[in-house]
Amino acid sequence: MLFNETPILYIDADITKAARCIKALSHQLRFKILCVLGNRSVSVQEFVERVGSSQSNISQHLSILRERNILDHKKEANHVYYFIDE
């Protein structure tokens, strides 16, 4: 890094938030969920089919990703769709 460049993360709050996101993604199933998600919205049922875990387990991990502000969701009729929170 050149001396006159400002570091990308230099505010403690930003570093803390980044560390919490990295910790959330360190779990294999949560990382797999993000890989399935990509840049689109995915229903809980599709996660169950593609990830290969129970709906309750997927929902638990989706909840953790929502709490960390990594994912957001929208409800349409009887389905809940998740997407990356930008």
PDB file of N, CA and C in Angstrom:
ATOM      1  N   MET A   1       0.850  -1.174   0.000  1.00  0.00           N
ATOM      2  CA  MET A   1       0.000   0.000   0.000  1.00  0.00           C
ATOM      3  C   MET A   1       0.896   1.238   0.000  1.00  0.00           C
ATOM      4  N   LEU A   2       0.531   2.180  -0.783  1.00  0.00           N
ATOM      5  CA  LEU A   2       1.263   3.441  -0.810  1.00  0.00           C
ATOM      6  C   LEU A   2       0.944   4.241   0.441  1.00  0.00           C
ATOM      7  N   PHE A   3       1.826   5.127   0.808  1.00  0.00           N
ATOM      8  CA  PHE A   3       1.651   5.883   2.047  1.00  0.00           C
ATOM      9  C   PHE A   3       0.457   6.817   2.030  1.00  0.00           C
ATOM     10  N   ASN A   4       0.054   7.302   0.869  1.00  0.00           N
ATOM     11  CA  ASN A   4      -1.054   8.252   0.829  1.00  0.00           C
ATOM     12  C   ASN A   4      -2.405   7.587   0.607  1.00  0.00           C
ATOM     13  N   GLU A   5      -2.459   6.265   0.540  1.00  0.00           N
ATOM     14  CA  GLU A   5      -3.730   5.573   0.368  1.00  0.00           C
ATOM     15  C   GLU A   5      -4.400   5.375   1.724  1.00  0.00           C
ATOM     16  N   THR A   6      -5.709   5.509   1.726  1.00  0.00           N
ATOM     17  CA  THR A   6      -6.480   5.266   2.935  1.00  0.00           C
ATOM     18  C   THR A   6      -6.888   3.797   2.958  1.00  0.00           C
ATOM     19  N   PRO A   7      -6.697   3.107   4.083  1.00  0.00           N
ATOM     20  CA  PRO A   7      -7.120   1.706   4.163  1.00  0.00           C
ATOM     21  C   PRO A   7      -8.623   1.580   3.914  1.00  0.00           C
ATOM     22  N   ILE A   8      -9.032   0.469   3.343  1.00  0.00           N
ATOM     23  CA  ILE A   8     -10.448   0.247   3.053  1.00  0.00           C
ATOM     24  C   ILE A   8     -11.249   0.216   4.348  1.00  0.00           C
ATOM     25  N   LEU A   9     -10.786  -0.546   5.326  1.00  0.00           N
ATOM     26  CA  LEU A   9     -11.453  -0.623   6.620  1.00  0.00           C
ATOM     27  C   LEU A   9     -10.530  -0.039   7.679  1.00  0.00           C
ATOM     28  N   TYR A  10     -10.902   1.081   8.211  1.00  0.00           N
ATOM     29  CA  TYR A  10     -10.074   1.675   9.263  1.00  0.00           C
ATOM     30  C   TYR A  10     -10.909   2.170  10.428  1.00  0.00           C
ATOM     31  N   ILE A  11     -12.218   2.116  10.294  1.00  0.00           N
ATOM     32  CA  ILE A  11     -13.107   2.505  11.385  1.00  0.00           C
ATOM     33  C   ILE A  11     -13.464   1.238  12.159  1.00  0.00           C
ATOM     34  N   ASP A  12     -13.326   1.289  13.467  1.00  0.00           N
ATOM     35  CA  ASP A  12     -13.555   0.100  14.292  1.00  0.00           C
ATOM     36  C   ASP A  12     -14.924  -0.534  14.050  1.00  0.00           C
ATOM     37  N   ALA A  13     -15.948   0.274  13.882  1.00  0.00           N
ATOM     38  CA  ALA A  13     -17.292  -0.268  13.656  1.00  0.00           C
ATOM     39  C   ALA A  13     -17.351  -1.062  12.347  1.00  0.00           C
ATOM     40  N   ASP A  14     -16.671  -0.569  11.312  1.00  0.00           N
ATOM     41  CA  ASP A  14     -16.632  -1.284  10.031  1.00  0.00           C
ATOM     42  C   ASP A  14     -15.880  -2.601  10.158  1.00  0.00           C
ATOM     43  N   ILE A  15     -14.787  -2.576  10.887  1.00  0.00           N
ATOM     44  CA  ILE A  15     -13.998  -3.791  11.097  1.00  0.00           C
ATOM     45  C   ILE A  15     -14.806  -4.814  11.882  1.00  0.00           C
ATOM     46  N   THR A  16     -15.513  -4.367  12.898  1.00  0.00           N
ATOM     47  CA  THR A  16     -16.346  -5.260  13.694  1.00  0.00           C
ATOM     48  C   THR A  16     -17.440  -5.888  12.841  1.00  0.00           C
ATOM     49  N   LYS A  17     -18.093  -5.071  12.016  1.00  0.00           N
ATOM     50  CA  LYS A  17     -19.152  -5.587  11.145  1.00  0.00           C
ATOM     51  C   LYS A  17     -18.594  -6.608  10.148  1.00  0.00           C
ATOM     52  N   ALA A  18     -17.455  -6.315   9.561  1.00  0.00           N
ATOM     53  CA  ALA A  18     -16.831  -7.240   8.610  1.00  0.00           C
ATOM     54  C   ALA A  18     -16.459  -8.550   9.305  1.00  0.00           C
ATOM     55  N   ALA A  19     -15.936  -8.466  10.505  1.00  0.00           N
ATOM     56  CA  ALA A  19     -15.560  -9.670  11.253  1.00  0.00           C
ATOM     57  C   ALA A  19     -16.788 -10.524  11.572  1.00  0.00           C
ATOM     58  N   ARG A  20     -17.899  -9.883  11.923  1.00  0.00           N
ATOM     59  CA  ARG A  20     -19.135 -10.622  12.211  1.00  0.00           C
ATOM     60  C   ARG A  20     -19.649 -11.325  10.958  1.00  0.00           C
ATOM     61  N   CYS A  21     -19.537 -10.670   9.804  1.00  0.00           N
ATOM     62  CA  CYS A  21     -19.963 -11.285   8.542  1.00  0.00           C
ATOM     63  C   CYS A  21     -19.085 -12.488   8.210  1.00  0.00           C
ATOM     64  N   ILE A  22     -17.786 -12.328   8.376  1.00  0.00           N
ATOM     65  CA  ILE A  22     -16.865 -13.427   8.089  1.00  0.00           C
ATOM     66  C   ILE A  22     -17.141 -14.603   9.014  1.00  0.00           C
ATOM     67  N   LYS A  23     -17.396 -14.318  10.275  1.00  0.00           N
ATOM     68  CA  LYS A  23     -17.704 -15.385  11.229  1.00  0.00           C
ATOM     69  C   LYS A  23     -18.994 -16.105  10.832  1.00  0.00           C
ATOM     70  N   ALA A  24     -19.997 -15.355  10.397  1.00  0.00           N
ATOM     71  CA  ALA A  24     -21.262 -15.963   9.979  1.00  0.00           C
ATOM     72  C   ALA A  24     -21.059 -16.868   8.764  1.00  0.00           C
ATOM     73  N   LEU A  25     -20.164 -16.477   7.874  1.00  0.00           N
ATOM     74  CA  LEU A  25     -19.924 -17.249   6.658  1.00  0.00           C
ATOM     75  C   LEU A  25     -18.955 -18.408   6.876  1.00  0.00           C
ATOM     76  N   SER A  26     -18.380 -18.511   8.061  1.00  0.00           N
ATOM     77  CA  SER A  26     -17.415 -19.577   8.312  1.00  0.00           C
ATOM     78  C   SER A  26     -18.081 -20.938   8.472  1.00  0.00           C
ATOM     79  N   HIS A  27     -19.381 -20.964   8.667  1.00  0.00           N
ATOM     80  CA  HIS A  27     -20.107 -22.233   8.766  1.00  0.00           C
ATOM     81  C   HIS A  27     -20.368 -22.765   7.363  1.00  0.00           C
ATOM     82  N   GLN A  28     -20.076 -24.033   7.141  1.00  0.00           N
ATOM     83  CA  GLN A  28     -20.168 -24.640   5.818  1.00  0.00           C
ATOM     84  C   GLN A  28     -21.559 -24.500   5.200  1.00  0.00           C
ATOM     85  N   LEU A  29     -22.607 -24.722   5.966  1.00  0.00           N
ATOM     86  CA  LEU A  29     -23.966 -24.654   5.424  1.00  0.00           C
ATOM     87  C   LEU A  29     -24.341 -23.221   5.042  1.00  0.00           C
ATOM     88  N   ARG A  30     -23.955 -22.241   5.856  1.00  0.00           N
ATOM     89  CA  ARG A  30     -24.274 -20.850   5.519  1.00  0.00           C
ATOM     90  C   ARG A  30     -23.508 -20.394   4.279  1.00  0.00           C
ATOM     91  N   PHE A  31     -22.278 -20.843   4.130  1.00  0.00           N
ATOM     92  CA  PHE A  31     -21.517 -20.509   2.930  1.00  0.00           C
ATOM     93  C   PHE A  31     -22.157 -21.163   1.701  1.00  0.00           C
ATOM     94  N   LYS A  32     -22.616 -22.389   1.857  1.00  0.00           N
ATOM     95  CA  LYS A  32     -23.283 -23.091   0.759  1.00  0.00           C
ATOM     96  C   LYS A  32     -24.573 -22.373   0.368  1.00  0.00           C
ATOM     97  N   ILE A  33     -25.310 -21.867   1.346  1.00  0.00           N
ATOM     98  CA  ILE A  33     -26.531 -21.106   1.084  1.00  0.00           C
ATOM     99  C   ILE A  33     -26.208 -19.903   0.203  1.00  0.00           C
ATOM    100  N   LEU A  34     -25.143 -19.171   0.526  1.00  0.00           N
ATOM    101  CA  LEU A  34     -24.775 -18.008  -0.287  1.00  0.00           C
ATOM    102  C   LEU A  34     -24.346 -18.415  -1.687  1.00  0.00           C
ATOM    103  N   CYS A  35     -23.680 -19.544  -1.813  1.00  0.00           N
ATOM    104  CA  CYS A  35     -23.275 -20.021  -3.141  1.00  0.00           C
ATOM    105  C   CYS A  35     -24.498 -20.367  -3.988  1.00  0.00           C
ATOM    106  N   VAL A  36     -25.511 -20.972  -3.388  1.00  0.00           N
ATOM    107  CA  VAL A  36     -26.758 -21.283  -4.101  1.00  0.00           C
ATOM    108  C   VAL A  36     -27.477 -19.994  -4.470  1.00  0.00           C
ATOM    109  N   LEU A  37     -27.439 -19.034  -3.591  1.00  0.00           N
ATOM    110  CA  LEU A  37     -28.160 -17.781  -3.779  1.00  0.00           C
ATOM    111  C   LEU A  37     -27.634 -16.969  -4.952  1.00  0.00           C
ATOM    112  N   GLY A  38     -26.335 -16.794  -5.015  1.00  0.00           N
ATOM    113  CA  GLY A  38     -25.765 -15.979  -6.087  1.00  0.00           C
ATOM    114  C   GLY A  38     -26.343 -14.577  -6.057  1.00  0.00           C
ATOM    115  N   ASN A  39     -26.798 -14.090  -7.208  1.00  0.00           N
ATOM    116  CA  ASN A  39     -27.340 -12.722  -7.271  1.00  0.00           C
ATOM    117  C   ASN A  39     -28.838 -12.723  -7.555  1.00  0.00           C
ATOM    118  N   ARG A  40     -29.539 -13.729  -7.058  1.00  0.00           N
ATOM    119  CA  ARG A  40     -30.981 -13.821  -7.300  1.00  0.00           C
ATOM    120  C   ARG A  40     -31.717 -14.079  -5.995  1.00  0.00           C
ATOM    121  N   SER A  41     -33.023 -14.087  -6.060  1.00  0.00           N
ATOM    122  CA  SER A  41     -33.850 -14.436  -4.907  1.00  0.00           C
ATOM    123  C   SER A  41     -34.145 -15.932  -4.950  1.00  0.00           C
ATOM    124  N   VAL A  42     -34.070 -16.563  -3.792  1.00  0.00           N
ATOM    125  CA  VAL A  42     -34.284 -18.010  -3.709  1.00  0.00           C
ATOM    126  C   VAL A  42     -35.263 -18.299  -2.582  1.00  0.00           C
ATOM    127  N   SER A  43     -36.206 -19.189  -2.836  1.00  0.00           N
ATOM    128  CA  SER A  43     -37.186 -19.571  -1.817  1.00  0.00           C
ATOM    129  C   SER A  43     -36.563 -20.554  -0.829  1.00  0.00           C
ATOM    130  N   VAL A  44     -37.166 -20.638   0.337  1.00  0.00           N
ATOM    131  CA  VAL A  44     -36.696 -21.579   1.348  1.00  0.00           C
ATOM    132  C   VAL A  44     -36.749 -23.000   0.791  1.00  0.00           C
ATOM    133  N   GLN A  45     -37.819 -23.333   0.097  1.00  0.00           N
ATOM    134  CA  GLN A  45     -37.962 -24.676  -0.461  1.00  0.00           C
ATOM    135  C   GLN A  45     -36.836 -24.999  -1.452  1.00  0.00           C
ATOM    136  N   GLU A  46     -36.442 -24.034  -2.266  1.00  0.00           N
ATOM    137  CA  GLU A  46     -35.339 -24.275  -3.200  1.00  0.00           C
ATOM    138  C   GLU A  46     -34.032 -24.507  -2.450  1.00  0.00           C
ATOM    139  N   PHE A  47     -33.810 -23.762  -1.363  1.00  0.00           N
ATOM    140  CA  PHE A  47     -32.623 -24.008  -0.542  1.00  0.00           C
ATOM    141  C   PHE A  47     -32.635 -25.445  -0.020  1.00  0.00           C
ATOM    142  N   VAL A  48     -33.793 -25.887   0.477  1.00  0.00           N
ATOM    143  CA  VAL A  48     -33.911 -27.245   1.010  1.00  0.00           C
ATOM    144  C   VAL A  48     -33.542 -28.264  -0.064  1.00  0.00           C
ATOM    145  N   GLU A  49     -34.059 -28.072  -1.269  1.00  0.00           N
ATOM    146  CA  GLU A  49     -33.800 -29.010  -2.361  1.00  0.00           C
ATOM    147  C   GLU A  49     -32.341 -28.990  -2.808  1.00  0.00           C
ATOM    148  N   ARG A  50     -31.747 -27.815  -2.887  1.00  0.00           N
ATOM    149  CA  ARG A  50     -30.395 -27.686  -3.450  1.00  0.00           C
ATOM    150  C   ARG A  50     -29.286 -27.886  -2.420  1.00  0.00           C
ATOM    151  N   VAL A  51     -29.557 -27.554  -1.172  1.00  0.00           N
ATOM    152  CA  VAL A  51     -28.529 -27.668  -0.137  1.00  0.00           C
ATOM    153  C   VAL A  51     -28.565 -29.055   0.508  1.00  0.00           C
ATOM    154  N   GLY A  52     -29.756 -29.647   0.572  1.00  0.00           N
ATOM    155  CA  GLY A  52     -29.859 -30.989   1.116  1.00  0.00           C
ATOM    156  C   GLY A  52     -29.902 -31.049   2.628  1.00  0.00           C
ATOM    157  N   SER A  53     -30.682 -30.182   3.220  1.00  0.00           N
ATOM    158  CA  SER A  53     -30.870 -30.188   4.667  1.00  0.00           C
ATOM    159  C   SER A  53     -32.353 -29.980   4.942  1.00  0.00           C
ATOM    160  N   SER A  54     -32.736 -30.103   6.205  1.00  0.00           N
ATOM    161  CA  SER A  54     -34.148 -29.937   6.556  1.00  0.00           C
ATOM    162  C   SER A  54     -34.553 -28.463   6.490  1.00  0.00           C
ATOM    163  N   GLN A  55     -35.850 -28.233   6.354  1.00  0.00           N
ATOM    164  CA  GLN A  55     -36.353 -26.856   6.289  1.00  0.00           C
ATOM    165  C   GLN A  55     -36.058 -26.113   7.581  1.00  0.00           C
ATOM    166  N   SER A  56     -36.207 -26.784   8.713  1.00  0.00           N
ATOM    167  CA  SER A  56     -35.956 -26.101   9.987  1.00  0.00           C
ATOM    168  C   SER A  56     -34.483 -25.722  10.131  1.00  0.00           C
ATOM    169  N   ASN A  57     -33.574 -26.582   9.677  1.00  0.00           N
ATOM    170  CA  ASN A  57     -32.152 -26.277   9.752  1.00  0.00           C
ATOM    171  C   ASN A  57     -31.790 -25.123   8.809  1.00  0.00           C
ATOM    172  N   ILE A  58     -32.307 -25.162   7.589  1.00  0.00           N
ATOM    173  CA  ILE A  58     -32.072 -24.070   6.634  1.00  0.00           C
ATOM    174  C   ILE A  58     -32.602 -22.762   7.200  1.00  0.00           C
ATOM    175  N   SER A  59     -33.818 -22.782   7.738  1.00  0.00           N
ATOM    176  CA  SER A  59     -34.425 -21.568   8.295  1.00  0.00           C
ATOM    177  C   SER A  59     -33.593 -20.994   9.433  1.00  0.00           C
ATOM    178  N   GLN A  60     -33.033 -21.860  10.252  1.00  0.00           N
ATOM    179  CA  GLN A  60     -32.190 -21.403  11.357  1.00  0.00           C
ATOM    180  C   GLN A  60     -30.960 -20.663  10.824  1.00  0.00           C
ATOM    181  N   HIS A  61     -30.329 -21.201   9.800  1.00  0.00           N
ATOM    182  CA  HIS A  61     -29.138 -20.572   9.249  1.00  0.00           C
ATOM    183  C   HIS A  61     -29.486 -19.308   8.466  1.00  0.00           C
ATOM    184  N   LEU A  62     -30.623 -19.298   7.789  1.00  0.00           N
ATOM    185  CA  LEU A  62     -31.074 -18.088   7.106  1.00  0.00           C
ATOM    186  C   LEU A  62     -31.319 -16.972   8.117  1.00  0.00           C
ATOM    187  N   SER A  63     -31.860 -17.324   9.249  1.00  0.00           N
ATOM    188  CA  SER A  63     -32.111 -16.349  10.315  1.00  0.00           C
ATOM    189  C   SER A  63     -30.797 -15.724  10.807  1.00  0.00           C
ATOM    190  N   ILE A  64     -29.773 -16.528  10.959  1.00  0.00           N
ATOM    191  CA  ILE A  64     -28.471 -16.009  11.383  1.00  0.00           C
ATOM    192  C   ILE A  64     -27.927 -15.039  10.343  1.00  0.00           C
ATOM    193  N   LEU A  65     -28.054 -15.389   9.071  1.00  0.00           N
ATOM    194  CA  LEU A  65     -27.570 -14.506   8.005  1.00  0.00           C
ATOM    195  C   LEU A  65     -28.382 -13.211   7.948  1.00  0.00           C
ATOM    196  N   ARG A  66     -29.675 -13.273   8.273  1.00  0.00           N
ATOM    197  CA  ARG A  66     -30.491 -12.056   8.339  1.00  0.00           C
ATOM    198  C   ARG A  66     -30.081 -11.189   9.515  1.00  0.00           C
ATOM    199  N   GLU A  67     -29.832 -11.809  10.668  1.00  0.00           N
ATOM    200  CA  GLU A  67     -29.423 -11.057  11.859  1.00  0.00           C
ATOM    201  C   GLU A  67     -28.112 -10.310  11.630  1.00  0.00           C
ATOM    202  N   ARG A  68     -27.254 -10.869  10.802  1.00  0.00           N
ATOM    203  CA  ARG A  68     -25.954 -10.247  10.511  1.00  0.00           C
ATOM    204  C   ARG A  68     -26.052  -9.256   9.346  1.00  0.00           C
ATOM    205  N   ASN A  69     -27.279  -9.015   8.868  1.00  0.00           N
ATOM    206  CA  ASN A  69     -27.533  -8.098   7.742  1.00  0.00           C
ATOM    207  C   ASN A  69     -26.819  -8.518   6.462  1.00  0.00           C
ATOM    208  N   ILE A  70     -26.666  -9.823   6.294  1.00  0.00           N
ATOM    209  CA  ILE A  70     -26.085 -10.353   5.068  1.00  0.00           C
ATOM    210  C   ILE A  70     -27.203 -10.634   4.069  1.00  0.00           C
ATOM    211  N   LEU A  71     -28.315 -11.146   4.566  1.00  0.00           N
ATOM    212  CA  LEU A  71     -29.468 -11.444   3.719  1.00  0.00           C
ATOM    213  C   LEU A  71     -30.669 -10.621   4.144  1.00  0.00           C
ATOM    214  N   ASP A  72     -31.570 -10.430   3.196  1.00  0.00           N
ATOM    215  CA  ASP A  72     -32.883  -9.863   3.481  1.00  0.00           C
ATOM    216  C   ASP A  72     -33.899 -10.802   2.844  1.00  0.00           C
ATOM    217  N   HIS A  73     -35.161 -10.561   3.078  1.00  0.00           N
ATOM    218  CA  HIS A  73     -36.178 -11.464   2.547  1.00  0.00           C
ATOM    219  C   HIS A  73     -37.414 -10.693   2.112  1.00  0.00           C
ATOM    220  N   LYS A  74     -38.228 -11.361   1.315  1.00  0.00           N
ATOM    221  CA  LYS A  74     -39.528 -10.820   0.937  1.00  0.00           C
ATOM    222  C   LYS A  74     -40.509 -11.979   0.928  1.00  0.00           C
ATOM    223  N   LYS A  75     -41.754 -11.675   1.285  1.00  0.00           N
ATOM    224  CA  LYS A  75     -42.801 -12.693   1.313  1.00  0.00           C
ATOM    225  C   LYS A  75     -43.720 -12.487   0.127  1.00  0.00           C
ATOM    226  N   GLU A  76     -44.008 -13.578  -0.549  1.00  0.00           N
ATOM    227  CA  GLU A  76     -44.969 -13.569  -1.651  1.00  0.00           C
ATOM    228  C   GLU A  76     -45.889 -14.761  -1.459  1.00  0.00           C
ATOM    229  N   ALA A  77     -47.134 -14.471  -1.141  1.00  0.00           N
ATOM    230  CA  ALA A  77     -48.126 -15.517  -0.851  1.00  0.00           C
ATOM    231  C   ALA A  77     -47.591 -16.404   0.274  1.00  0.00           C
ATOM    232  N   ASN A  78     -47.432 -17.700   0.022  1.00  0.00           N
ATOM    233  CA  ASN A  78     -46.970 -18.632   1.052  1.00  0.00           C
ATOM    234  C   ASN A  78     -45.469 -18.902   0.990  1.00  0.00           C
ATOM    235  N   HIS A  79     -44.750 -18.138   0.206  1.00  0.00           N
ATOM    236  CA  HIS A  79     -43.323 -18.375   0.025  1.00  0.00           C
ATOM    237  C   HIS A  79     -42.506 -17.199   0.566  1.00  0.00           C
ATOM    238  N   VAL A  80     -41.343 -17.529   1.095  1.00  0.00           N
ATOM    239  CA  VAL A  80     -40.392 -16.515   1.541  1.00  0.00           C
ATOM    240  C   VAL A  80     -39.162 -16.650   0.652  1.00  0.00           C
ATOM    241  N   TYR A  81     -38.739 -15.522   0.089  1.00  0.00           N
ATOM    242  CA  TYR A  81     -37.573 -15.488  -0.803  1.00  0.00           C
ATOM    243  C   TYR A  81     -36.459 -14.687  -0.141  1.00  0.00           C
ATOM    244  N   TYR A  82     -35.250 -15.201  -0.232  1.00  0.00           N
ATOM    245  CA  TYR A  82     -34.097 -14.537   0.352  1.00  0.00           C
ATOM    246  C   TYR A  82     -33.191 -14.020  -0.743  1.00  0.00           C
ATOM    247  N   PHE A  83     -32.510 -12.906  -0.443  1.00  0.00           N
ATOM    248  CA  PHE A  83     -31.575 -12.297  -1.363  1.00  0.00           C
ATOM    249  C   PHE A  83     -30.504 -11.573  -0.568  1.00  0.00           C
ATOM    250  N   ILE A  84     -29.393 -11.280  -1.206  1.00  0.00           N
ATOM    251  CA  ILE A  84     -28.296 -10.592  -0.536  1.00  0.00           C
ATOM    252  C   ILE A  84     -28.698  -9.153  -0.254  1.00  0.00           C
ATOM    253  N   ASP A  85     -28.537  -8.750   0.995  1.00  0.00           N
ATOM    254  CA  ASP A  85     -28.873  -7.396   1.429  1.00  0.00           C
ATOM    255  C   ASP A  85     -27.757  -6.453   1.019  1.00  0.00           C
ATOM    256  N   GLU A  86     -28.064  -5.540   0.123  1.00  0.00           N
ATOM    257  CA  GLU A  86     -27.025  -4.636  -0.390  1.00  0.00           C
ATOM    258  C   GLU A  86     -27.002  -3.317   0.320  1.00  0.00           C
TER     259      GLU A  86
END
